[in-house]
Amino acid sequence: MSGMLRMSYATELMDQFERDFGTGFLAQVRVKTNMDINSREEKWLTNLFRRLSSIIKKPVRDIHAWFDDRMEMADSLKYVQLGRPELILIYEVSPLEASNARKEDSKNNGV
């Protein structure tokens, strides 16, 4: 789940970058960024900034300034989950209701 959110965030960032800088050369950057994320590279965002700076031949600090200005609240940030989203459980009914139903079934079946 966290990798998916990172990929979504990186995609939003690169889409905005293409709109702002008019570059269509991000296919390899997208692949390398996805590889960083999937391999759990801790510096995937730093690596992405470096790649973007090399494309437009500007310093990384300029990418940071652009990022701070344009990517304040990307859509993918609206879905950030604190903790370990891989452990989220989704129930059709609440666990308490399920437990009470099992107790009621046991009582009705003489168990």
Protein backbone atom coordinates (compact mmCIF):
# COMPACT_ATOMS: atom_id res chain seq x y z
CA MET A 1 0.00 0.00 0.00
CA SER A 2 2.73 2.49 0.91
CA GLY A 3 4.59 1.73 -2.35
CA MET A 4 1.43 2.36 -4.32
CA LEU A 5 0.97 5.74 -2.63
CA ARG A 6 4.59 6.66 -3.39
CA MET A 7 4.14 5.70 -7.04
CA SER A 8 0.95 7.71 -7.24
CA TYR A 9 2.71 10.69 -5.66
CA ALA A 10 5.68 10.38 -8.03
CA THR A 11 3.32 10.20 -11.01
CA GLU A 12 1.51 13.36 -9.91
CA LEU A 13 4.82 15.11 -9.40
CA MET A 14 6.14 14.11 -12.84
CA ASP A 15 2.87 14.98 -14.57
CA GLN A 16 3.00 18.47 -13.04
CA PHE A 17 6.67 18.75 -13.96
CA GLU A 18 5.84 17.95 -17.60
CA ARG A 19 3.06 20.55 -17.63
CA ASP A 20 5.29 23.22 -16.12
CA PHE A 21 8.49 22.52 -18.06
CA GLY A 22 7.04 21.15 -21.30
CA THR A 23 9.35 18.18 -21.40
CA GLY A 24 8.28 14.84 -22.77
CA PHE A 25 11.41 12.94 -21.80
CA LEU A 26 10.30 11.42 -18.54
CA ALA A 27 9.65 7.81 -19.61
CA GLN A 28 13.02 6.61 -18.31
CA VAL A 29 12.70 8.75 -15.18
CA ARG A 30 9.32 7.14 -14.48
CA VAL A 31 10.77 3.64 -14.89
CA LYS A 32 13.78 4.36 -12.67
CA THR A 33 11.58 5.98 -10.02
CA ASN A 34 9.23 2.99 -9.98
CA MET A 35 12.25 0.71 -9.66
CA ASP A 36 13.51 2.78 -6.71
CA ILE A 37 10.12 2.62 -5.02
CA ASN A 38 9.61 -1.10 -5.66
CA SER A 39 13.09 -1.90 -4.36
CA ARG A 40 12.32 0.15 -1.23
CA GLU A 41 15.08 2.65 -1.92
CA GLU A 42 14.88 5.15 0.94
CA LYS A 43 16.13 8.04 -1.22
CA TRP A 44 13.68 7.54 -4.07
CA LEU A 45 12.44 11.16 -3.90
CA THR A 46 15.98 12.57 -3.74
CA ASN A 47 16.88 10.42 -6.75
CA LEU A 48 13.81 11.69 -8.59
CA PHE A 49 14.77 15.32 -7.91
CA ARG A 50 18.28 14.65 -9.24
CA ARG A 51 16.90 13.06 -12.39
CA LEU A 52 14.52 15.96 -12.98
CA SER A 53 17.29 18.49 -12.48
CA SER A 54 19.47 16.74 -15.04
CA ILE A 55 16.64 16.82 -17.61
CA ILE A 56 16.16 20.58 -17.45
CA LYS A 57 19.82 21.23 -16.64
CA LYS A 58 19.12 23.21 -13.49
CA PRO A 59 20.40 22.69 -9.95
CA VAL A 60 18.53 20.40 -7.60
CA ARG A 61 17.74 23.41 -5.39
CA ASP A 62 15.65 24.79 -8.29
CA ILE A 63 13.68 21.52 -8.37
CA HIS A 64 13.15 21.82 -4.61
CA ALA A 65 11.91 25.39 -5.02
CA TRP A 66 9.53 24.33 -7.81
CA PHE A 67 8.38 21.38 -5.71
CA ASP A 68 7.69 23.56 -2.65
CA ASP A 69 5.72 25.97 -4.81
CA ARG A 70 3.71 23.52 -6.95
CA MET A 71 3.34 20.28 -5.00
CA GLU A 72 2.13 21.53 -1.63
CA MET A 73 -0.86 19.17 -1.45
CA ALA A 74 -0.93 16.55 -4.17
CA ASP A 75 -4.03 14.37 -4.43
CA SER A 76 -2.12 11.30 -3.27
CA LEU A 77 -1.26 13.04 0.03
CA LYS A 78 -4.95 13.05 0.88
CA TYR A 79 -4.72 9.28 1.35
CA VAL A 80 -1.72 9.13 3.66
CA GLN A 81 -2.15 6.54 6.39
CA LEU A 82 -0.13 6.74 9.57
CA GLY A 83 1.34 3.48 10.72
CA ARG A 84 1.45 0.39 8.52
CA PRO A 85 -1.33 0.50 5.93
CA GLU A 86 -0.53 -3.11 5.00
CA LEU A 87 -2.17 -4.11 8.29
CA ILE A 88 -5.49 -2.37 7.67
CA LEU A 89 -8.44 -4.75 7.92
CA ILE A 90 -11.79 -4.01 6.32
CA TYR A 91 -14.84 -5.62 7.88
CA GLU A 92 -18.29 -6.00 6.35
CA VAL A 93 -19.68 -5.66 9.88
CA SER A 94 -17.89 -4.40 12.96
CA PRO A 95 -15.81 -6.99 14.86
CA LEU A 96 -18.09 -6.49 17.90
CA GLU A 97 -21.20 -7.24 15.82
CA ALA A 98 -19.53 -10.33 14.36
CA SER A 99 -18.54 -11.55 17.82
CA ASN A 100 -22.04 -11.00 19.20
CA ALA A 101 -23.57 -12.84 16.21
CA ARG A 102 -21.26 -15.83 16.81
CA LYS A 103 -22.22 -15.89 20.50
CA GLU A 104 -25.91 -15.72 19.58
CA ASP A 105 -25.49 -18.55 17.04
CA SER A 106 -23.71 -20.67 19.64
CA LYS A 107 -26.46 -20.04 22.19
CA ASN A 108 -29.22 -20.89 19.67
CA ASN A 109 -27.45 -24.05 18.52
CA GLY A 110 -26.90 -25.31 22.07
CA VAL A 111 -23.13 -25.08 21.90
